[in-house]
Amino acid sequence: MKKSTLLILLFCSILAAHAQSYSFTFDGLSRDYILHLPTGYSASTQYPLVIDMHGYTSNASQQELYTKFDSISNAQHFIVAYPNGIASSWNSGWVGTYGTGVDDVGFVSALIDTLNAHYSVDLQRVYATGMSNGGFQSYRLACELSDKIAAIASVTGSLTDSTAYYCHPSRTVPIMEVHGTEDPVVAYTGLAGSYGTEATLNFWKAKNGCSGITDTFAIPNISPTDSTTALWIRWRSCGDSSEMWFIKVIGGGHTWPNALIDIPGYGRTSRDFSANQYIWSFFQRYRLGMSSGISNTEALPEISYFPNPANEALHISGLQSGDRIILLDINGREVRGLITQDHEFDIATNNLLDGIYILQITNANYTLARRIIVAH
């Protein structure tokens, strides 16, 4: 993703005091990355890992600042790595270059191994996301590194023709796409040599064996001045009990929803929702080798919650002693949180704003995430 002069000047003014870069040699090249460890990191605990890849002509430092993934990493306790592509780009498989050039799939694989050697990474919960060229690269990783990547989320990216042709993942890979209908860089209808957004989703629906069962939700338009609206479309019956998610940003540009700043010339940035929160809500459902990702289905409790939409309170039953209950808003901020010793509990919602929230229930054996609507 090309940055404007204004954006570059902003980044340059604050990078010196920001994150530290690390490097290692892969395939004869020095490859570097930025690493963010969540607040309270402990080597005795295994953490999920999110790999967040920059766009074309951008870099890891800019991606870290622009997407603001560090904040939700601290709140939700996962590691984020921001790798740098060679010459500020990723070899995402365009026609004429496929199978040649920089081996970025191999680099990401080596990055996962390197981080695992030095930090406490849960190798069953490694995820890839990225902006623009980084989104294209996420799709290539889904095709070629499905033994290490549990799920991917592309923001303003797409699938190249060559990547699609050579795409043979060893398992169902949960896919999420976030794309603006007025993207002036990676057009919603596609570019020469790549699929359009809906064609990309159709490719993966076929690849993942998704049925026609979908849910479509209008994301609350909490920021009418941004001139965008958004739909959350969910295919909820795919292979291995997985799902596919698509957030269609109507009127949105070549931007990351709720990013640090608006980029002049790249269209509108939605402020109605946080892309990070939806991406993490999607990722945390999945881990390698397990249907529905999060956990062995035999270990999942039968937790019920009602009413949904909630007005005065949300009643939760089927809890286990020691369950941690968190209610998050659409920006990933915790609005309610407790550890329960009871099997039933009521969360007060009477003083919350109307909108979409994420109910997260965790313990040592599983993590559950459910979408909750508050409406008064």
Protein backbone atom coordinates (compact mmCIF):
# COMPACT_ATOMS: atom_id res chain seq x y z
CA MET A 1 0.00 0.00 0.00
CA LYS A 2 1.57 3.27 -1.10
CA LYS A 3 1.75 5.92 1.62
CA SER A 4 1.31 9.63 1.12
CA THR A 5 4.02 12.13 2.03
CA LEU A 6 1.94 13.28 4.98
CA LEU A 7 1.73 9.75 6.34
CA ILE A 8 5.45 9.13 5.91
CA LEU A 9 6.31 12.34 7.74
CA LEU A 10 4.03 11.35 10.61
CA PHE A 11 5.66 7.94 10.88
CA CYS A 12 9.18 9.33 10.70
CA SER A 13 8.48 11.68 13.59
CA ILE A 14 7.66 8.87 15.99
CA LEU A 15 9.49 5.75 14.77
CA ALA A 16 12.70 6.51 16.62
CA ALA A 17 10.97 6.04 19.97
CA HIS A 18 8.96 3.02 18.87
CA ALA A 19 9.65 -0.69 18.42
CA GLN A 20 12.95 -2.53 18.03
CA SER A 21 13.72 -4.57 14.95
CA TYR A 22 15.20 -8.09 14.99
CA SER A 23 16.75 -10.03 12.14
CA PHE A 24 17.99 -13.42 11.00
CA THR A 25 19.38 -14.81 7.77
CA PHE A 26 17.08 -16.81 5.50
CA ASP A 27 17.88 -18.03 1.98
CA GLY A 28 21.01 -15.88 1.92
CA LEU A 29 19.13 -12.70 2.82
CA SER A 30 18.97 -10.76 6.05
CA ARG A 31 15.30 -10.69 7.00
CA ASP A 32 13.97 -8.47 9.77
CA TYR A 33 10.82 -8.03 11.78
CA ILE A 34 9.32 -6.15 14.71
CA LEU A 35 8.00 -8.12 17.65
CA HIS A 36 5.40 -7.04 20.17
CA LEU A 37 4.96 -9.10 23.33
CA PRO A 38 1.70 -8.56 25.22
CA THR A 39 1.70 -6.79 28.56
CA GLY A 40 2.50 -9.30 31.29
CA TYR A 41 4.22 -11.74 28.92
CA SER A 42 5.50 -14.81 30.77
CA ALA A 43 7.67 -17.57 29.33
CA SER A 44 5.63 -20.08 31.34
CA THR A 45 2.50 -19.37 29.26
CA GLN A 46 1.96 -20.24 25.60
CA TYR A 47 0.66 -17.39 23.46
CA PRO A 48 -1.08 -17.24 20.08
CA LEU A 49 0.92 -15.49 17.36
CA VAL A 50 -0.46 -13.05 14.78
CA ILE A 51 1.74 -12.17 11.79
CA ASP A 52 0.71 -8.73 10.46
CA MET A 53 2.15 -7.91 7.01
CA HIS A 54 2.47 -4.45 5.49
CA GLY A 55 1.35 -3.26 2.07
CA TYR A 56 3.42 -2.49 -1.02
CA THR A 57 6.03 0.31 -0.47
CA SER A 58 5.22 0.27 3.26
CA ASN A 59 7.16 -1.42 6.06
CA ALA A 60 6.80 -3.17 9.40
CA SER A 61 7.05 -0.02 11.52
CA GLN A 62 4.34 1.72 9.54
CA GLN A 63 2.12 -1.36 9.67
CA GLU A 64 2.49 -1.57 13.44
CA LEU A 65 1.51 2.05 13.89
CA TYR A 66 -1.21 2.13 11.24
CA THR A 67 -3.11 -1.02 12.28
CA LYS A 68 -2.70 -0.53 16.05
CA PHE A 69 -2.61 -4.29 16.65
CA ASP A 70 -0.43 -3.85 19.75
CA SER A 71 -3.38 -2.53 21.74
CA ILE A 72 -5.61 -5.58 21.24
CA SER A 73 -2.56 -7.81 21.68
CA ASN A 74 -2.15 -6.42 25.19
CA ALA A 75 -5.85 -6.78 25.98
CA GLN A 76 -6.23 -10.31 24.55
CA HIS A 77 -2.77 -11.70 25.36
CA PHE A 78 -1.24 -12.73 22.04
CA ILE A 79 2.08 -12.00 20.33
CA VAL A 80 2.27 -9.88 17.16
CA ALA A 81 5.10 -10.04 14.62
CA TYR A 82 5.43 -7.37 11.92
CA PRO A 83 7.82 -8.72 9.26
CA ASN A 84 9.44 -6.66 6.50
CA GLY A 85 9.23 -7.68 2.88
CA ILE A 86 12.27 -7.31 0.62
CA ALA A 87 12.16 -3.94 -1.21
CA SER A 88 8.98 -3.12 0.73
CA SER A 89 6.95 -5.81 -1.01
CA TRP A 90 5.80 -9.42 -0.76
CA ASN A 91 6.16 -12.05 -3.46
CA SER A 92 2.45 -12.84 -3.44
CA GLY A 93 2.33 -14.87 -6.63
CA TRP A 94 1.59 -12.67 -9.61
CA VAL A 95 1.57 -14.17 -13.10
CA GLY A 96 5.09 -14.40 -14.50
CA THR A 97 6.74 -14.35 -11.08
CA TYR A 98 5.21 -17.41 -9.44
CA GLY A 99 7.90 -19.85 -8.35
CA THR A 100 10.64 -17.25 -8.82
CA GLY A 101 12.07 -14.41 -6.78
CA VAL A 102 12.10 -14.02 -3.00
CA ASP A 103 10.75 -16.99 -1.05
CA ASP A 104 8.44 -15.13 1.32
CA VAL A 105 6.44 -18.24 2.18
CA GLY A 106 9.65 -19.88 3.35
CA PHE A 107 10.60 -16.73 5.24
CA VAL A 108 7.31 -16.66 7.16
CA SER A 109 7.73 -20.34 7.97
CA ALA A 110 11.26 -19.66 9.25
CA LEU A 111 9.97 -16.65 11.19
CA ILE A 112 7.47 -18.87 13.02
CA ASP A 113 10.25 -21.33 13.85
CA THR A 114 12.56 -18.52 15.02
CA LEU A 115 9.94 -16.97 17.29
CA ASN A 116 9.06 -20.37 18.70
CA ALA A 117 12.72 -20.98 19.54
CA HIS A 118 12.99 -17.75 21.53
CA TYR A 119 9.51 -17.16 22.90
CA SER A 120 6.56 -19.13 24.21
CA VAL A 121 4.47 -19.51 21.05
CA ASP A 122 1.46 -21.80 20.78
CA LEU A 123 2.18 -23.38 17.39
CA GLN A 124 -1.41 -24.52 17.10
CA ARG A 125 -2.58 -20.88 17.13
CA VAL A 126 -0.55 -19.00 14.51
CA TYR A 127 -2.46 -16.60 12.25
CA ALA A 128 -1.66 -14.33 9.30
CA THR A 129 -3.16 -11.00 8.32
CA GLY A 130 -2.06 -8.08 6.21
CA MET A 131 -2.91 -4.92 4.32
CA SER A 132 -3.10 -4.82 0.51
CA ASN A 133 0.04 -6.67 -0.71
CA GLY A 134 0.17 -8.17 2.79
CA GLY A 135 -3.42 -9.35 2.30
CA PHE A 136 -2.45 -10.99 -1.00
CA GLN A 137 0.42 -12.67 0.84
CA SER A 138 -1.98 -13.93 3.52
CA TYR A 139 -3.89 -15.81 0.83
CA ARG A 140 -0.67 -17.31 -0.50
CA LEU A 141 0.19 -18.49 3.02
CA ALA A 142 -3.26 -20.08 3.30
CA CYS A 143 -2.52 -22.04 0.14
CA GLU A 144 1.11 -22.98 0.83
CA LEU A 145 1.62 -22.90 4.60
CA SER A 146 -1.62 -24.44 5.85
CA ASP A 147 0.37 -26.81 8.09
CA LYS A 148 1.48 -23.81 10.18
CA ILE A 149 -1.16 -21.11 9.68
CA ALA A 150 -4.46 -21.79 11.48
CA ALA A 151 -6.47 -19.00 9.80
CA ILE A 152 -5.94 -15.84 7.74
CA ALA A 153 -7.57 -12.43 7.39
CA SER A 154 -6.92 -10.18 4.39
CA VAL A 155 -7.62 -6.44 4.54
CA THR A 156 -7.89 -4.76 1.09
CA GLY A 157 -6.07 -7.74 -0.43
CA SER A 158 -7.12 -10.39 -2.92
CA LEU A 159 -6.06 -13.64 -4.57
CA THR A 160 -3.74 -13.66 -7.58
CA ASP A 161 -4.54 -15.90 -10.53
CA SER A 162 -1.34 -17.92 -10.07
CA THR A 163 -1.83 -18.37 -6.34
CA ALA A 164 -5.33 -19.69 -7.04
CA TYR A 165 -4.06 -22.05 -9.77
CA TYR A 166 -1.41 -23.58 -7.51
CA CYS A 167 -3.51 -23.51 -4.33
CA HIS A 168 -3.60 -26.95 -2.68
CA PRO A 169 -3.82 -26.51 1.11
CA SER A 170 -3.51 -29.67 3.19
CA ARG A 171 -6.58 -28.75 5.26
CA THR A 172 -9.52 -26.39 5.43
CA VAL A 173 -8.16 -22.90 6.11
CA PRO A 174 -10.63 -20.45 7.71
CA ILE A 175 -10.70 -17.27 5.61
CA MET A 176 -11.71 -13.69 6.41
CA GLU A 177 -11.75 -10.69 4.05
CA VAL A 178 -12.28 -6.99 4.80
CA HIS A 179 -12.71 -4.86 1.69
CA GLY A 180 -14.15 -1.50 0.69
CA THR A 181 -16.46 -1.28 -2.30
CA GLU A 182 -14.71 1.93 -3.47
CA ASP A 183 -11.12 0.76 -3.05
CA PRO A 184 -9.10 2.82 -5.58
CA VAL A 185 -5.98 0.61 -5.40
CA VAL A 186 -7.13 -3.03 -5.17
CA ALA A 187 -10.47 -2.64 -6.89
CA TYR A 188 -13.43 -4.49 -5.42
CA THR A 189 -14.03 -6.00 -8.87
CA GLY A 190 -10.42 -7.11 -9.23
CA LEU A 191 -7.18 -6.21 -11.02
CA ALA A 192 -5.45 -7.68 -14.05
CA GLY A 193 -3.95 -10.93 -12.80
CA SER A 194 -6.08 -11.18 -9.67
CA TYR A 195 -9.58 -12.08 -8.57
CA GLY A 196 -12.19 -9.57 -7.48
CA THR A 197 -13.32 -9.61 -3.88
CA GLU A 198 -16.45 -11.69 -4.42
CA ALA A 199 -14.63 -14.04 -6.81
CA THR A 200 -11.95 -14.54 -4.14
CA LEU A 201 -14.61 -15.43 -1.59
CA ASN A 202 -16.34 -17.77 -4.04
CA PHE A 203 -12.99 -19.51 -4.70
CA TRP A 204 -12.48 -20.13 -0.99
CA LYS A 205 -16.10 -21.15 -0.40
CA ALA A 206 -15.59 -23.89 -2.99
CA LYS A 207 -12.15 -24.79 -1.63
CA ASN A 208 -13.47 -24.99 1.95
CA GLY A 209 -16.70 -26.79 1.08
CA CYS A 210 -18.96 -24.03 2.44
CA SER A 211 -22.69 -24.48 2.07
CA GLY A 212 -25.08 -21.71 1.18
CA ILE A 213 -25.94 -21.04 4.83
CA THR A 214 -25.07 -17.41 5.60
CA ASP A 215 -25.78 -14.75 8.17
CA THR A 216 -25.69 -11.07 7.25
CA PHE A 217 -25.57 -8.40 9.93
CA ALA A 218 -25.48 -4.65 9.53
CA ILE A 219 -22.67 -3.26 11.67
CA PRO A 220 -24.03 -0.27 13.62
CA ASN A 221 -23.28 3.01 11.85
CA ILE A 222 -21.81 4.69 14.92
CA SER A 223 -19.77 7.18 12.87
CA PRO A 224 -22.08 8.60 10.19
CA THR A 225 -19.54 11.30 9.29
CA ASP A 226 -17.16 8.73 7.76
CA SER A 227 -19.63 8.20 4.88
CA THR A 228 -19.36 4.40 5.08
CA THR A 229 -21.52 1.57 6.29
CA ALA A 230 -20.56 -2.07 6.74
CA LEU A 231 -22.05 -5.54 6.51
CA TRP A 232 -20.72 -8.58 8.34
CA ILE A 233 -21.39 -11.65 6.15
CA ARG A 234 -20.70 -15.06 7.64
CA TRP A 235 -20.71 -18.44 5.91
CA ARG A 236 -21.20 -20.69 8.92
CA SER A 237 -21.13 -24.17 7.43
CA CYS A 238 -17.70 -24.90 5.93
CA GLY A 239 -15.34 -27.88 6.12
CA ASP A 240 -14.07 -29.05 9.52
CA SER A 241 -16.87 -27.05 11.22
CA SER A 242 -15.17 -23.79 10.23
CA GLU A 243 -16.60 -20.53 8.92
CA MET A 244 -15.71 -17.76 6.47
CA TRP A 245 -16.26 -14.09 7.28
CA PHE A 246 -16.52 -11.09 4.98
CA ILE A 247 -16.83 -7.49 6.13
CA LYS A 248 -18.06 -5.46 3.19
CA VAL A 249 -17.31 -1.79 3.79
CA ILE A 250 -19.79 0.04 1.61
CA GLY A 251 -18.15 3.24 0.46
CA GLY A 252 -14.85 2.22 2.04
CA GLY A 253 -11.50 2.78 0.36
CA HIS A 254 -8.07 1.20 0.43
CA THR A 255 -7.94 1.49 4.20
CA TRP A 256 -7.86 -0.47 7.46
CA PRO A 257 -11.09 0.18 9.43
CA ASN A 258 -10.39 2.27 12.53
CA ALA A 259 -6.72 2.67 11.61
CA LEU A 260 -4.46 5.29 13.15
CA ILE A 261 -5.08 7.97 10.52
CA ASP A 262 -6.86 8.56 7.23
CA ILE A 263 -4.58 8.31 4.20
CA PRO A 264 -5.19 11.09 1.68
CA GLY A 265 -6.03 9.74 -1.76
CA TYR A 266 -6.90 6.23 -0.64
CA GLY A 267 -10.58 6.61 0.05
CA ARG A 268 -12.65 6.57 3.18
CA THR A 269 -11.70 4.86 6.43
CA SER A 270 -14.59 3.30 8.32
CA ARG A 271 -14.81 4.37 11.94
CA ASP A 272 -17.89 2.24 12.60
CA PHE A 273 -15.90 -0.77 13.77
CA SER A 274 -12.42 -2.01 14.54
CA ALA A 275 -10.99 -4.39 11.94
CA ASN A 276 -8.65 -5.69 14.66
CA GLN A 277 -11.49 -6.73 16.95
CA TYR A 278 -13.31 -8.64 14.21
CA ILE A 279 -10.08 -10.23 13.00
CA TRP A 280 -9.13 -11.40 16.49
CA SER A 281 -12.68 -12.61 17.17
CA PHE A 282 -12.35 -14.70 14.01
CA PHE A 283 -8.84 -15.96 14.70
CA GLN A 284 -9.47 -17.09 18.26
CA ARG A 285 -12.07 -19.59 17.04
CA TYR A 286 -9.40 -21.70 15.33
CA ARG A 287 -6.36 -23.76 16.05
CA LEU A 288 -4.61 -26.42 13.95
CA GLY A 289 -5.86 -29.98 14.06
CA MET A 290 -9.18 -29.29 15.76
CA SER A 291 -12.64 -28.93 14.33
CA SER A 292 -14.00 -25.44 14.95
CA GLY A 293 -10.47 -24.59 15.80
CA ILE A 294 -10.57 -23.45 19.38
CA SER A 295 -10.70 -26.78 21.08
CA ASN A 296 -11.60 -30.40 20.79
CA THR A 297 -15.39 -30.36 20.41
CA GLU A 298 -15.76 -32.96 23.15
CA ALA A 299 -14.29 -30.45 25.62
CA LEU A 300 -16.62 -27.59 24.73
CA PRO A 301 -19.31 -26.97 27.33
CA GLU A 302 -22.93 -26.29 26.46
CA ILE A 303 -23.06 -22.62 27.42
CA SER A 304 -26.25 -20.71 26.76
CA TYR A 305 -26.79 -16.96 26.85
CA PHE A 306 -29.98 -14.96 26.48
CA PRO A 307 -31.66 -12.72 25.60
CA ASN A 308 -29.77 -11.73 22.46
CA PRO A 309 -30.33 -8.84 21.74
CA ALA A 310 -29.92 -7.97 25.41
CA ASN A 311 -31.62 -5.06 27.15
CA GLU A 312 -31.17 -4.92 30.94
CA ALA A 313 -28.91 -7.95 31.37
CA LEU A 314 -27.42 -10.96 29.59
CA HIS A 315 -27.98 -14.27 31.39
CA ILE A 316 -25.25 -16.90 30.94
CA SER A 317 -25.61 -20.51 32.08
CA GLY A 318 -23.54 -23.68 31.77
CA LEU A 319 -20.38 -22.05 33.11
CA GLN A 320 -17.60 -23.90 34.87
CA SER A 321 -15.94 -22.72 38.07
CA GLY A 322 -12.99 -20.52 37.20
CA ASP A 323 -14.31 -19.42 33.80
CA ARG A 324 -13.12 -15.92 32.85
CA ILE A 325 -15.97 -13.90 31.33
CA ILE A 326 -15.18 -10.79 29.27
CA LEU A 327 -17.50 -8.53 27.31
CA LEU A 328 -15.67 -6.50 24.66
CA ASP A 329 -16.91 -3.58 22.59
CA ILE A 330 -16.28 -3.35 18.84
CA ASN A 331 -12.93 -1.62 19.45
CA GLY A 332 -11.65 -4.48 21.58
CA ARG A 333 -12.01 -2.62 24.87
CA GLU A 334 -13.12 -4.65 27.88
CA VAL A 335 -16.39 -3.29 29.24
CA ARG A 336 -17.16 -6.13 31.65
CA GLY A 337 -14.87 -8.76 33.12
CA LEU A 338 -14.87 -11.27 35.97
CA ILE A 339 -13.89 -14.77 37.00
CA THR A 340 -16.92 -16.77 38.09
CA GLN A 341 -17.31 -19.53 40.64
CA ASP A 342 -20.95 -20.08 39.66
CA HIS A 343 -22.60 -21.98 36.82
CA GLU A 344 -24.94 -19.12 36.02
CA PHE A 345 -24.33 -15.41 35.89
CA ASP A 346 -25.99 -12.17 34.74
CA ILE A 347 -23.98 -9.40 33.05
CA ALA A 348 -25.62 -6.00 33.36
CA THR A 349 -26.13 -4.34 29.98
CA ASN A 350 -28.59 -1.61 30.95
CA ASN A 351 -25.94 1.12 30.91
CA LEU A 352 -24.14 0.00 27.73
CA LEU A 353 -24.56 1.72 24.38
CA ASP A 354 -26.56 -0.05 21.71
CA GLY A 355 -24.38 -2.05 19.33
CA ILE A 356 -22.38 -5.23 18.79
CA TYR A 357 -20.26 -6.75 21.56
CA ILE A 358 -18.17 -9.90 21.82
CA LEU A 359 -18.73 -12.26 24.75
CA GLN A 360 -15.54 -14.20 25.47
CA ILE A 361 -15.39 -17.12 27.92
CA THR A 362 -12.02 -18.72 28.62
CA ASN A 363 -10.38 -21.25 30.90
CA ALA A 364 -7.39 -23.57 30.63
CA ASN A 365 -9.08 -25.87 28.10
CA TYR A 366 -10.94 -23.64 25.66
CA THR A 367 -11.88 -20.18 24.49
CA LEU A 368 -15.38 -19.35 23.29
CA ALA A 369 -16.36 -16.13 21.52
CA ARG A 370 -19.95 -15.17 20.80
CA ARG A 371 -21.51 -12.13 19.17
CA ILE A 372 -23.89 -10.21 21.43
CA ILE A 373 -26.21 -7.34 20.48
CA VAL A 374 -27.28 -4.76 23.03
CA ALA A 375 -30.47 -2.92 22.11
CA HIS A 376 -32.60 -0.87 24.45
